[in-house]
């Protein structure tokens, strides 16, 4: 009798655990679009999961369609991670099911050449371009890499999805290698967005010219460093690092402060600081700055005040890549610099 009672208690515990709920995950499921993805905005405002879902908000959510499906601004990839984490703590099967639906969306949106558009199935304006901007493609590939390798809680994902994800990651790496930009036969870094057919850099929004993109190239390089090394990956990584070393801007800092609840961004002389421009000319490596009217400026202070303060024009993330990540990668693989 005692053993039966113990068994009953264990089963009850399992049942309760399986039905336990995570408040954030419950909201994430409600926001999920029919094709398995998530949007980044609702009624032209950023999705805010802290808001209580009343009838009015629920009506707005239900009115959203697949045309809003995107991986921009970490949409979809963020939600998949939230659901996997929630499943780890609750074992609620609905969270895993919803996450797997999101993973299927990522697999469905990938182009045959391995690239990822910013939106899918919406192909209007620049949304169909292969998009590294704001780490969209790398975020998607990172999720699929975790699925394929069973890392960071993703070991629970269906085995068929693991196999598909492994193939998708391989295709993605091939696309990354093919889109590394060459100058006079020498590989450099990557652009923000590319034509999905020709794999040539293209402009996106008016202030985002076809260019070499420093911030996104840091994330791309770090993703390549995570992979088993091939001669092609070794060359790509070393070439990117060399480009970063050559094109750093010494003696300046880029500062952001809040004034009257608005960001004010300034470029200032600072002998102890090293930064990189957000965008560089594809052929000359000269820092460039876009504006609302589609014009390109070569002096930061010539950019309109609205865009100068409304967009991040310099970064310092390559420094950590050069000083810490790269030496660790060289040592791990027993490479000479």
C-alpha atoms as a PDB file:
ATOM      1  CA  UNK A   1       0.000   0.000   0.000  1.00  0.00           C
ATOM      2  CA  UNK A   2       2.823   2.346   0.924  1.00  0.00           C
ATOM      3  CA  UNK A   3       4.508   1.821  -2.463  1.00  0.00           C
ATOM      4  CA  UNK A   4       1.212   2.476  -4.275  1.00  0.00           C
ATOM      5  CA  UNK A   5       0.713   5.695  -2.365  1.00  0.00           C
ATOM      6  CA  UNK A   6       4.277   6.727  -3.194  1.00  0.00           C
ATOM      7  CA  UNK A   7       3.687   5.969  -6.885  1.00  0.00           C
ATOM      8  CA  UNK A   8       0.436   7.951  -6.844  1.00  0.00           C
ATOM      9  CA  UNK A   9       2.239  10.890  -5.219  1.00  0.00           C
ATOM     10  CA  UNK A  10       4.978  10.821  -7.864  1.00  0.00           C
ATOM     11  CA  UNK A  11       2.463  10.711 -10.715  1.00  0.00           C
ATOM     12  CA  UNK A  12       0.536  13.585  -9.182  1.00  0.00           C
ATOM     13  CA  UNK A  13       3.725  15.597  -8.906  1.00  0.00           C
ATOM     14  CA  UNK A  14       4.580  14.949 -12.552  1.00  0.00           C
ATOM     15  CA  UNK A  15       1.068  15.908 -13.611  1.00  0.00           C
ATOM     16  CA  UNK A  16       1.164  19.127 -11.627  1.00  0.00           C
ATOM     17  CA  UNK A  17       4.585  19.980 -12.988  1.00  0.00           C
ATOM     18  CA  UNK A  18       3.420  19.393 -16.553  1.00  0.00           C
ATOM     19  CA  UNK A  19       0.508  21.761 -16.054  1.00  0.00           C
ATOM     20  CA  UNK A  20       2.388  24.517 -14.216  1.00  0.00           C
ATOM     21  CA  UNK A  21       2.500  27.825 -16.010  1.00  0.00           C
ATOM     22  CA  UNK A  22       4.919  30.639 -16.673  1.00  0.00           C
ATOM     23  CA  UNK A  23       3.252  34.062 -16.924  1.00  0.00           C
ATOM     24  CA  UNK A  24       5.614  35.392 -19.595  1.00  0.00           C
ATOM     25  CA  UNK A  25       5.460  32.211 -21.670  1.00  0.00           C
ATOM     26  CA  UNK A  26       1.668  32.277 -21.575  1.00  0.00           C
ATOM     27  CA  UNK A  27       1.689  35.770 -23.065  1.00  0.00           C
ATOM     28  CA  UNK A  28       4.269  34.798 -25.662  1.00  0.00           C
ATOM     29  CA  UNK A  29       2.015  32.004 -26.902  1.00  0.00           C
ATOM     30  CA  UNK A  30      -0.913  34.407 -27.219  1.00  0.00           C
ATOM     31  CA  UNK A  31       1.194  36.737 -29.381  1.00  0.00           C
ATOM     32  CA  UNK A  32       2.415  33.935 -31.669  1.00  0.00           C
ATOM     33  CA  UNK A  33       1.336  34.429 -35.280  1.00  0.00           C
ATOM     34  CA  UNK A  34      -0.363  31.656 -37.306  1.00  0.00           C
ATOM     35  CA  UNK A  35       2.831  30.694 -39.150  1.00  0.00           C
ATOM     36  CA  UNK A  36       4.732  30.187 -35.889  1.00  0.00           C
ATOM     37  CA  UNK A  37       6.604  33.478 -35.791  1.00  0.00           C
ATOM     38  CA  UNK A  38       6.235  36.688 -33.807  1.00  0.00           C
ATOM     39  CA  UNK A  39       6.087  40.324 -34.837  1.00  0.00           C
ATOM     40  CA  UNK A  40       8.234  43.073 -33.348  1.00  0.00           C
ATOM     41  CA  UNK A  41       5.419  45.621 -33.213  1.00  0.00           C
ATOM     42  CA  UNK A  42       1.732  45.865 -32.454  1.00  0.00           C
ATOM     43  CA  UNK A  43      -0.165  48.894 -33.717  1.00  0.00           C
ATOM     44  CA  UNK A  44       3.186  50.519 -34.642  1.00  0.00           C
ATOM     45  CA  UNK A  45       4.536  50.153 -31.103  1.00  0.00           C
ATOM     46  CA  UNK A  46       7.138  47.675 -29.854  1.00  0.00           C
ATOM     47  CA  UNK A  47       5.605  44.541 -28.379  1.00  0.00           C
ATOM     48  CA  UNK A  48       5.531  44.874 -24.595  1.00  0.00           C
ATOM     49  CA  UNK A  49       5.018  41.597 -22.756  1.00  0.00           C
ATOM     50  CA  UNK A  50       4.696  43.410 -19.443  1.00  0.00           C
ATOM     51  CA  UNK A  51       1.278  44.734 -20.417  1.00  0.00           C
ATOM     52  CA  UNK A  52      -1.761  42.876 -19.049  1.00  0.00           C
ATOM     53  CA  UNK A  53      -3.771  41.290 -21.846  1.00  0.00           C
ATOM     54  CA  UNK A  54      -7.267  42.712 -21.678  1.00  0.00           C
ATOM     55  CA  UNK A  55     -10.008  42.327 -24.283  1.00  0.00           C
ATOM     56  CA  UNK A  56      -8.860  45.337 -26.292  1.00  0.00           C
ATOM     57  CA  UNK A  57      -5.233  44.165 -26.455  1.00  0.00           C
ATOM     58  CA  UNK A  58      -6.277  40.598 -27.234  1.00  0.00           C
ATOM     59  CA  UNK A  59      -8.362  41.904 -30.110  1.00  0.00           C
ATOM     60  CA  UNK A  60      -5.318  43.747 -31.483  1.00  0.00           C
ATOM     61  CA  UNK A  61      -3.167  40.648 -31.167  1.00  0.00           C
ATOM     62  CA  UNK A  62      -5.678  38.462 -32.956  1.00  0.00           C
ATOM     63  CA  UNK A  63      -5.926  40.999 -35.774  1.00  0.00           C
ATOM     64  CA  UNK A  64      -2.209  40.603 -36.530  1.00  0.00           C
ATOM     65  CA  UNK A  65      -1.326  38.417 -39.480  1.00  0.00           C
ATOM     66  CA  UNK A  66       1.696  36.675 -40.939  1.00  0.00           C
ATOM     67  CA  UNK A  67       2.705  39.820 -42.823  1.00  0.00           C
ATOM     68  CA  UNK A  68       4.173  41.028 -39.508  1.00  0.00           C
ATOM     69  CA  UNK A  69       6.314  37.906 -39.086  1.00  0.00           C
ATOM     70  CA  UNK A  70       9.972  38.885 -38.668  1.00  0.00           C
ATOM     71  CA  UNK A  71      13.353  38.177 -37.093  1.00  0.00           C
ATOM     72  CA  UNK A  72      14.138  41.894 -36.889  1.00  0.00           C
ATOM     73  CA  UNK A  73      14.962  43.338 -33.455  1.00  0.00           C
ATOM     74  CA  UNK A  74      15.280  39.785 -32.062  1.00  0.00           C
ATOM     75  CA  UNK A  75      11.611  39.028 -32.774  1.00  0.00           C
ATOM     76  CA  UNK A  76      10.837  35.282 -32.984  1.00  0.00           C
ATOM     77  CA  UNK A  77      14.314  34.224 -31.834  1.00  0.00           C
ATOM     78  CA  UNK A  78      13.750  35.947 -28.483  1.00  0.00           C
ATOM     79  CA  UNK A  79      10.375  34.278 -28.014  1.00  0.00           C
ATOM     80  CA  UNK A  80      11.685  30.826 -28.897  1.00  0.00           C
ATOM     81  CA  UNK A  81      14.361  31.206 -26.214  1.00  0.00           C
ATOM     82  CA  UNK A  82      11.783  32.375 -23.660  1.00  0.00           C
ATOM     83  CA  UNK A  83       9.618  29.332 -24.337  1.00  0.00           C
ATOM     84  CA  UNK A  84      12.496  26.857 -24.132  1.00  0.00           C
ATOM     85  CA  UNK A  85      13.572  28.357 -20.811  1.00  0.00           C
ATOM     86  CA  UNK A  86       9.994  28.197 -19.519  1.00  0.00           C
ATOM     87  CA  UNK A  87       9.705  24.572 -20.587  1.00  0.00           C
ATOM     88  CA  UNK A  88      12.869  23.728 -18.664  1.00  0.00           C
ATOM     89  CA  UNK A  89      11.355  24.993 -15.428  1.00  0.00           C
ATOM     90  CA  UNK A  90       7.725  23.920 -15.886  1.00  0.00           C
ATOM     91  CA  UNK A  91       7.778  20.965 -18.312  1.00  0.00           C
ATOM     92  CA  UNK A  92       4.593  22.424 -19.731  1.00  0.00           C
ATOM     93  CA  UNK A  93       4.307  20.742 -23.161  1.00  0.00           C
ATOM     94  CA  UNK A  94       2.528  23.716 -24.724  1.00  0.00           C
ATOM     95  CA  UNK A  95       5.706  25.787 -24.364  1.00  0.00           C
ATOM     96  CA  UNK A  96       7.832  23.237 -26.185  1.00  0.00           C
ATOM     97  CA  UNK A  97       5.187  22.844 -28.880  1.00  0.00           C
ATOM     98  CA  UNK A  98       5.058  26.603 -29.419  1.00  0.00           C
ATOM     99  CA  UNK A  99       8.872  26.860 -29.516  1.00  0.00           C
ATOM    100  CA  UNK A 100       9.066  24.068 -32.086  1.00  0.00           C
ATOM    101  CA  UNK A 101       6.488  25.875 -34.208  1.00  0.00           C
ATOM    102  CA  UNK A 102       8.771  28.907 -34.079  1.00  0.00           C
ATOM    103  CA  UNK A 103      11.782  26.810 -35.060  1.00  0.00           C
ATOM    104  CA  UNK A 104       9.830  25.461 -38.033  1.00  0.00           C
ATOM    105  CA  UNK A 105       9.190  29.049 -39.067  1.00  0.00           C
ATOM    106  CA  UNK A 106      12.932  29.797 -39.059  1.00  0.00           C
ATOM    107  CA  UNK A 107      13.567  26.746 -41.204  1.00  0.00           C
ATOM    108  CA  UNK A 108      10.800  27.729 -43.624  1.00  0.00           C
ATOM    109  CA  UNK A 109      12.028  31.301 -44.091  1.00  0.00           C
ATOM    110  CA  UNK A 110      15.624  30.384 -44.984  1.00  0.00           C
ATOM    111  CA  UNK A 111      16.541  30.834 -48.633  1.00  0.00           C
ATOM    112  CA  UNK A 112      18.011  27.938 -50.607  1.00  0.00           C
ATOM    113  CA  UNK A 113      21.342  29.825 -50.609  1.00  0.00           C
ATOM    114  CA  UNK A 114      21.372  29.816 -46.793  1.00  0.00           C
ATOM    115  CA  UNK A 115      20.436  33.451 -46.206  1.00  0.00           C
ATOM    116  CA  UNK A 116      17.581  34.772 -44.078  1.00  0.00           C
ATOM    117  CA  UNK A 117      15.292  37.655 -45.019  1.00  0.00           C
ATOM    118  CA  UNK A 118      14.287  40.208 -42.433  1.00  0.00           C
ATOM    119  CA  UNK A 119      10.600  39.340 -42.873  1.00  0.00           C
ATOM    120  CA  UNK A 120       8.791  36.273 -44.193  1.00  0.00           C
ATOM    121  CA  UNK A 121       6.475  35.932 -46.059  1.00  0.00           C
ATOM    122  CA  UNK A 122       6.321  39.736 -46.440  1.00  0.00           C
ATOM    123  CA  UNK A 123       8.655  40.626 -49.334  1.00  0.00           C
ATOM    124  CA  UNK A 124       7.924  44.359 -49.633  1.00  0.00           C
ATOM    125  CA  UNK A 125      10.679  46.965 -49.995  1.00  0.00           C
ATOM    126  CA  UNK A 126      13.924  45.786 -48.299  1.00  0.00           C
ATOM    127  CA  UNK A 127      12.274  43.056 -46.208  1.00  0.00           C
ATOM    128  CA  UNK A 128      13.239  40.238 -48.570  1.00  0.00           C
ATOM    129  CA  UNK A 129      16.944  41.095 -48.492  1.00  0.00           C
ATOM    130  CA  UNK A 130      19.355  38.769 -46.733  1.00  0.00           C
ATOM    131  CA  UNK A 131      19.690  40.687 -43.483  1.00  0.00           C
ATOM    132  CA  UNK A 132      22.626  40.766 -41.085  1.00  0.00           C
ATOM    133  CA  UNK A 133      21.437  44.159 -39.796  1.00  0.00           C
ATOM    134  CA  UNK A 134      20.830  44.159 -36.028  1.00  0.00           C
ATOM    135  CA  UNK A 135      22.070  40.542 -36.058  1.00  0.00           C
ATOM    136  CA  UNK A 136      18.824  39.210 -37.590  1.00  0.00           C
ATOM    137  CA  UNK A 137      20.360  36.320 -39.534  1.00  0.00           C
ATOM    138  CA  UNK A 138      22.902  35.496 -36.842  1.00  0.00           C
ATOM    139  CA  UNK A 139      20.160  35.368 -34.196  1.00  0.00           C
ATOM    140  CA  UNK A 140      18.229  32.901 -36.355  1.00  0.00           C
ATOM    141  CA  UNK A 141      21.304  30.776 -37.003  1.00  0.00           C
ATOM    142  CA  UNK A 142      22.195  30.809 -33.305  1.00  0.00           C
ATOM    143  CA  UNK A 143      18.806  29.326 -32.418  1.00  0.00           C
ATOM    144  CA  UNK A 144      19.186  26.646 -35.092  1.00  0.00           C
ATOM    145  CA  UNK A 145      22.744  25.955 -33.924  1.00  0.00           C
ATOM    146  CA  UNK A 146      21.458  25.400 -30.375  1.00  0.00           C
ATOM    147  CA  UNK A 147      18.793  23.075 -31.734  1.00  0.00           C
ATOM    148  CA  UNK A 148      21.254  21.110 -33.871  1.00  0.00           C
ATOM    149  CA  UNK A 149      23.782  20.758 -31.054  1.00  0.00           C
ATOM    150  CA  UNK A 150      21.307  20.383 -28.173  1.00  0.00           C
ATOM    151  CA  UNK A 151      22.824  23.348 -26.356  1.00  0.00           C
ATOM    152  CA  UNK A 152      21.351  25.892 -23.922  1.00  0.00           C
ATOM    153  CA  UNK A 153      18.250  23.862 -23.127  1.00  0.00           C
ATOM    154  CA  UNK A 154      17.423  22.944 -26.740  1.00  0.00           C
ATOM    155  CA  UNK A 155      18.221  19.239 -26.301  1.00  0.00           C
ATOM    156  CA  UNK A 156      14.486  18.672 -25.698  1.00  0.00           C
ATOM    157  CA  UNK A 157      13.573  19.669 -29.255  1.00  0.00           C
ATOM    158  CA  UNK A 158      12.251  17.031 -31.663  1.00  0.00           C
ATOM    159  CA  UNK A 159      14.977  14.971 -33.348  1.00  0.00           C
ATOM    160  CA  UNK A 160      13.701  15.723 -36.849  1.00  0.00           C
ATOM    161  CA  UNK A 161      14.087  19.431 -36.151  1.00  0.00           C
ATOM    162  CA  UNK A 162      17.640  18.815 -34.941  1.00  0.00           C
ATOM    163  CA  UNK A 163      18.554  17.183 -38.261  1.00  0.00           C
ATOM    164  CA  UNK A 164      16.917  19.970 -40.271  1.00  0.00           C
ATOM    165  CA  UNK A 165      18.581  22.616 -38.140  1.00  0.00           C
ATOM    166  CA  UNK A 166      22.024  21.112 -38.670  1.00  0.00           C
ATOM    167  CA  UNK A 167      21.545  21.326 -42.434  1.00  0.00           C
ATOM    168  CA  UNK A 168      20.227  24.888 -42.113  1.00  0.00           C
ATOM    169  CA  UNK A 169      23.291  25.967 -40.113  1.00  0.00           C
ATOM    170  CA  UNK A 170      25.601  24.479 -42.747  1.00  0.00           C
ATOM    171  CA  UNK A 171      23.754  26.398 -45.466  1.00  0.00           C
ATOM    172  CA  UNK A 172      23.899  29.554 -43.375  1.00  0.00           C
ATOM    173  CA  UNK A 173      27.657  29.272 -42.918  1.00  0.00           C
ATOM    174  CA  UNK A 174      28.073  28.788 -46.657  1.00  0.00           C
ATOM    175  CA  UNK A 175      26.082  31.980 -47.238  1.00  0.00           C
ATOM    176  CA  UNK A 176      28.195  33.860 -44.700  1.00  0.00           C
ATOM    177  CA  UNK A 177      31.387  32.799 -46.435  1.00  0.00           C
ATOM    178  CA  UNK A 178      30.008  33.758 -49.842  1.00  0.00           C
ATOM    179  CA  UNK A 179      28.881  37.204 -48.687  1.00  0.00           C
ATOM    180  CA  UNK A 180      32.144  38.258 -47.058  1.00  0.00           C
ATOM    181  CA  UNK A 181      33.035  41.312 -49.108  1.00  0.00           C
ATOM    182  CA  UNK A 182      36.190  41.303 -51.225  1.00  0.00           C
ATOM    183  CA  UNK A 183      38.282  44.347 -52.087  1.00  0.00           C
ATOM    184  CA  UNK A 184      40.824  43.737 -54.842  1.00  0.00           C
ATOM    185  CA  UNK A 185      40.663  40.004 -54.183  1.00  0.00           C
ATOM    186  CA  UNK A 186      41.079  40.385 -50.424  1.00  0.00           C
ATOM    187  CA  UNK A 187      38.293  39.425 -47.969  1.00  0.00           C
ATOM    188  CA  UNK A 188      37.186  42.141 -45.545  1.00  0.00           C
ATOM    189  CA  UNK A 189      34.016  42.055 -43.396  1.00  0.00           C
ATOM    190  CA  UNK A 190      30.280  41.959 -44.196  1.00  0.00           C
ATOM    191  CA  UNK A 191      27.530  44.331 -45.251  1.00  0.00           C
ATOM    192  CA  UNK A 192      24.259  44.896 -43.430  1.00  0.00           C
ATOM    193  CA  UNK A 193      22.003  43.500 -46.122  1.00  0.00           C
ATOM    194  CA  UNK A 194      22.357  41.731 -49.450  1.00  0.00           C
ATOM    195  CA  UNK A 195      20.325  41.079 -52.554  1.00  0.00           C
ATOM    196  CA  UNK A 196      18.783  37.664 -51.952  1.00  0.00           C
ATOM    197  CA  UNK A 197      19.656  36.480 -55.479  1.00  0.00           C
ATOM    198  CA  UNK A 198      22.937  38.125 -56.451  1.00  0.00           C
ATOM    199  CA  UNK A 199      24.415  38.165 -52.920  1.00  0.00           C
ATOM    200  CA  UNK A 200      25.634  41.719 -53.530  1.00  0.00           C
ATOM    201  CA  UNK A 201      25.363  44.376 -50.782  1.00  0.00           C
ATOM    202  CA  UNK A 202      22.302  46.629 -51.059  1.00  0.00           C
ATOM    203  CA  UNK A 203      20.888  49.618 -49.211  1.00  0.00           C
ATOM    204  CA  UNK A 204      17.886  49.150 -46.951  1.00  0.00           C
ATOM    205  CA  UNK A 205      16.297  52.175 -45.284  1.00  0.00           C
ATOM    206  CA  UNK A 206      17.247  55.590 -46.632  1.00  0.00           C
ATOM    207  CA  UNK A 207      19.900  56.071 -43.951  1.00  0.00           C
ATOM    208  CA  UNK A 208      21.307  52.524 -44.283  1.00  0.00           C
ATOM    209  CA  UNK A 209      23.518  52.590 -47.415  1.00  0.00           C
ATOM    210  CA  UNK A 210      25.148  49.605 -49.040  1.00  0.00           C
ATOM    211  CA  UNK A 211      28.309  49.427 -46.973  1.00  0.00           C
ATOM    212  CA  UNK A 212      30.570  47.389 -44.742  1.00  0.00           C
ATOM    213  CA  UNK A 213      28.923  47.035 -41.317  1.00  0.00           C
ATOM    214  CA  UNK A 214      31.244  46.825 -38.313  1.00  0.00           C
ATOM    215  CA  UNK A 215      28.822  45.905 -35.494  1.00  0.00           C
ATOM    216  CA  UNK A 216      27.102  43.103 -37.376  1.00  0.00           C
ATOM    217  CA  UNK A 217      30.448  41.786 -38.628  1.00  0.00           C
ATOM    218  CA  UNK A 218      31.568  41.301 -35.038  1.00  0.00           C
ATOM    219  CA  UNK A 219      28.600  38.982 -34.422  1.00  0.00           C
ATOM    220  CA  UNK A 220      29.197  37.157 -37.698  1.00  0.00           C
ATOM    221  CA  UNK A 221      32.849  36.593 -36.847  1.00  0.00           C
ATOM    222  CA  UNK A 222      31.990  35.324 -33.369  1.00  0.00           C
ATOM    223  CA  UNK A 223      29.439  32.920 -34.849  1.00  0.00           C
ATOM    224  CA  UNK A 224      32.068  31.543 -37.232  1.00  0.00           C
ATOM    225  CA  UNK A 225      34.428  31.085 -34.271  1.00  0.00           C
ATOM    226  CA  UNK A 226      31.843  28.771 -32.671  1.00  0.00           C
ATOM    227  CA  UNK A 227      31.956  26.372 -35.610  1.00  0.00           C
ATOM    228  CA  UNK A 228      34.297  23.479 -36.361  1.00  0.00           C
ATOM    229  CA  UNK A 229      37.200  25.066 -38.174  1.00  0.00           C
ATOM    230  CA  UNK A 230      37.659  24.608 -41.903  1.00  0.00           C
ATOM    231  CA  UNK A 231      40.274  26.361 -44.054  1.00  0.00           C
ATOM    232  CA  UNK A 232      37.506  28.641 -45.344  1.00  0.00           C
ATOM    233  CA  UNK A 233      36.346  29.626 -41.858  1.00  0.00           C
ATOM    234  CA  UNK A 234      39.921  30.176 -40.685  1.00  0.00           C
ATOM    235  CA  UNK A 235      40.569  32.519 -43.603  1.00  0.00           C
ATOM    236  CA  UNK A 236      37.295  34.372 -43.094  1.00  0.00           C
ATOM    237  CA  UNK A 237      37.919  34.963 -39.392  1.00  0.00           C
ATOM    238  CA  UNK A 238      41.539  36.025 -39.752  1.00  0.00           C
ATOM    239  CA  UNK A 239      40.685  38.351 -42.636  1.00  0.00           C
ATOM    240  CA  UNK A 240      37.891  40.016 -40.659  1.00  0.00           C
ATOM    241  CA  UNK A 241      40.169  40.543 -37.662  1.00  0.00           C
ATOM    242  CA  UNK A 242      42.831  42.088 -39.867  1.00  0.00           C
ATOM    243  CA  UNK A 243      40.247  44.448 -41.359  1.00  0.00           C
ATOM    244  CA  UNK A 244      39.112  45.530 -37.889  1.00  0.00           C
ATOM    245  CA  UNK A 245      42.691  46.183 -36.815  1.00  0.00           C
ATOM    246  CA  UNK A 246      43.401  48.230 -39.914  1.00  0.00           C
ATOM    247  CA  UNK A 247      40.240  50.344 -39.811  1.00  0.00           C
ATOM    248  CA  UNK A 248      39.960  51.279 -36.148  1.00  0.00           C
ATOM    249  CA  UNK A 249      39.540  54.941 -35.236  1.00  0.00           C
ATOM    250  CA  UNK A 250      41.893  55.927 -32.431  1.00  0.00           C
ATOM    251  CA  UNK A 251      41.599  58.955 -30.207  1.00  0.00           C
ATOM    252  CA  UNK A 252      37.811  59.315 -30.207  1.00  0.00           C
ATOM    253  CA  UNK A 253      34.915  58.160 -28.047  1.00  0.00           C
ATOM    254  CA  UNK A 254      31.222  57.957 -28.862  1.00  0.00           C
ATOM    255  CA  UNK A 255      28.949  58.979 -26.019  1.00  0.00           C
ATOM    256  CA  UNK A 256      25.220  58.732 -25.498  1.00  0.00           C
ATOM    257  CA  UNK A 257      23.468  60.739 -22.800  1.00  0.00           C
ATOM    258  CA  UNK A 258      19.819  61.418 -22.023  1.00  0.00           C
ATOM    259  CA  UNK A 259      18.555  64.999 -22.171  1.00  0.00           C
ATOM    260  CA  UNK A 260      14.865  65.675 -21.661  1.00  0.00           C
ATOM    261  CA  UNK A 261      14.205  61.946 -22.180  1.00  0.00           C
ATOM    262  CA  UNK A 262      15.928  62.021 -25.568  1.00  0.00           C
ATOM    263  CA  UNK A 263      19.233  60.477 -26.582  1.00  0.00           C
ATOM    264  CA  UNK A 264      22.029  62.856 -27.506  1.00  0.00           C
ATOM    265  CA  UNK A 265      24.955  61.202 -29.273  1.00  0.00           C
ATOM    266  CA  UNK A 266      28.316  62.947 -29.504  1.00  0.00           C
ATOM    267  CA  UNK A 267      31.691  62.173 -30.987  1.00  0.00           C
ATOM    268  CA  UNK A 268      34.507  63.510 -28.835  1.00  0.00           C
ATOM    269  CA  UNK A 269      38.293  63.430 -28.781  1.00  0.00           C
ATOM    270  CA  UNK A 270      39.581  60.877 -26.279  1.00  0.00           C
ATOM    271  CA  UNK A 271      43.173  59.738 -26.465  1.00  0.00           C
ATOM    272  CA  UNK A 272      42.387  56.542 -24.529  1.00  0.00           C
ATOM    273  CA  UNK A 273      39.521  55.399 -26.707  1.00  0.00           C
ATOM    274  CA  UNK A 274      39.222  53.280 -29.856  1.00  0.00           C
ATOM    275  CA  UNK A 275      36.027  53.047 -31.893  1.00  0.00           C
ATOM    276  CA  UNK A 276      34.785  51.948 -35.315  1.00  0.00           C
ATOM    277  CA  UNK A 277      32.233  53.626 -37.574  1.00  0.00           C
ATOM    278  CA  UNK A 278      28.972  51.731 -38.008  1.00  0.00           C
ATOM    279  CA  UNK A 279      29.285  51.863 -41.820  1.00  0.00           C
ATOM    280  CA  UNK A 280      32.280  51.978 -44.173  1.00  0.00           C
ATOM    281  CA  UNK A 281      32.470  52.620 -47.908  1.00  0.00           C
ATOM    282  CA  UNK A 282      32.589  49.323 -49.790  1.00  0.00           C
ATOM    283  CA  UNK A 283      35.735  50.195 -51.732  1.00  0.00           C
ATOM    284  CA  UNK A 284      37.630  52.856 -49.783  1.00  0.00           C
ATOM    285  CA  UNK A 285      36.844  51.822 -46.174  1.00  0.00           C
ATOM    286  CA  UNK A 286      36.030  55.467 -45.478  1.00  0.00           C
ATOM    287  CA  UNK A 287      33.411  55.931 -42.699  1.00  0.00           C
ATOM    288  CA  UNK A 288      30.044  56.924 -44.145  1.00  0.00           C
ATOM    289  CA  UNK A 289      26.784  58.121 -42.615  1.00  0.00           C
ATOM    290  CA  UNK A 290      23.314  57.912 -44.155  1.00  0.00           C
ATOM    291  CA  UNK A 291      20.477  60.376 -43.736  1.00  0.00           C
ATOM    292  CA  UNK A 292      16.687  60.412 -44.075  1.00  0.00           C
ATOM    293  CA  UNK A 293      16.853  61.874 -47.572  1.00  0.00           C
ATOM    294  CA  UNK A 294      19.027  59.006 -48.812  1.00  0.00           C
ATOM    295  CA  UNK A 295      22.174  61.119 -48.950  1.00  0.00           C
ATOM    296  CA  UNK A 296      25.548  59.901 -47.731  1.00  0.00           C
ATOM    297  CA  UNK A 297      27.678  62.081 -45.496  1.00  0.00           C
ATOM    298  CA  UNK A 298      31.386  61.693 -44.761  1.00  0.00           C
ATOM    299  CA  UNK A 299      31.356  63.851 -41.653  1.00  0.00           C
ATOM    300  CA  UNK A 300      29.323  62.752 -38.652  1.00  0.00           C
ATOM    301  CA  UNK A 301      28.364  66.316 -37.772  1.00  0.00           C
ATOM    302  CA  UNK A 302      26.852  66.825 -41.231  1.00  0.00           C
ATOM    303  CA  UNK A 303      24.122  64.271 -40.496  1.00  0.00           C
ATOM    304  CA  UNK A 304      20.737  65.781 -39.643  1.00  0.00           C
ATOM    305  CA  UNK A 305      20.151  66.160 -35.920  1.00  0.00           C
ATOM    306  CA  UNK A 306      17.237  63.690 -35.974  1.00  0.00           C
ATOM    307  CA  UNK A 307      19.336  60.908 -37.508  1.00  0.00           C
ATOM    308  CA  UNK A 308      22.514  61.842 -35.690  1.00  0.00           C
ATOM    309  CA  UNK A 309      20.779  61.276 -32.360  1.00  0.00           C
ATOM    310  CA  UNK A 310      18.327  58.622 -33.514  1.00  0.00           C
ATOM    311  CA  UNK A 311      20.796  56.002 -34.755  1.00  0.00           C
ATOM    312  CA  UNK A 312      23.982  54.453 -33.446  1.00  0.00           C
ATOM    313  CA  UNK A 313      26.839  55.543 -35.727  1.00  0.00           C
ATOM    314  CA  UNK A 314      29.920  54.195 -33.911  1.00  0.00           C
ATOM    315  CA  UNK A 315      30.691  51.016 -31.989  1.00  0.00           C
ATOM    316  CA  UNK A 316      33.463  49.684 -29.772  1.00  0.00           C
ATOM    317  CA  UNK A 317      32.562  45.964 -29.843  1.00  0.00           C
ATOM    318  CA  UNK A 318      35.404  45.023 -32.230  1.00  0.00           C
ATOM    319  CA  UNK A 319      37.887  45.766 -29.432  1.00  0.00           C
ATOM    320  CA  UNK A 320      36.751  42.829 -27.290  1.00  0.00           C
ATOM    321  CA  UNK A 321      36.693  40.631 -30.379  1.00  0.00           C
ATOM    322  CA  UNK A 322      40.319  41.511 -31.107  1.00  0.00           C
ATOM    323  CA  UNK A 323      41.633  41.501 -27.526  1.00  0.00           C
ATOM    324  CA  UNK A 324      39.794  38.498 -26.017  1.00  0.00           C
ATOM    325  CA  UNK A 325      37.683  36.412 -28.389  1.00  0.00           C
ATOM    326  CA  UNK A 326      40.219  36.127 -31.164  1.00  0.00           C
ATOM    327  CA  UNK A 327      43.228  35.135 -29.001  1.00  0.00           C
ATOM    328  CA  UNK A 328      41.061  32.519 -27.256  1.00  0.00           C
ATOM    329  CA  UNK A 329      39.985  31.140 -30.637  1.00  0.00           C
ATOM    330  CA  UNK A 330      43.592  31.007 -31.860  1.00  0.00           C
ATOM    331  CA  UNK A 331      44.699  29.165 -28.705  1.00  0.00           C
ATOM    332  CA  UNK A 332      41.796  26.718 -28.811  1.00  0.00           C
ATOM    333  CA  UNK A 333      42.598  25.744 -32.395  1.00  0.00           C
ATOM    334  CA  UNK A 334      46.370  25.996 -31.971  1.00  0.00           C
ATOM    335  CA  UNK A 335      46.651  28.570 -34.742  1.00  0.00           C
ATOM    336  CA  UNK A 336      49.394  31.068 -35.277  1.00  0.00           C
ATOM    337  CA  UNK A 337      48.128  34.611 -35.748  1.00  0.00           C
END
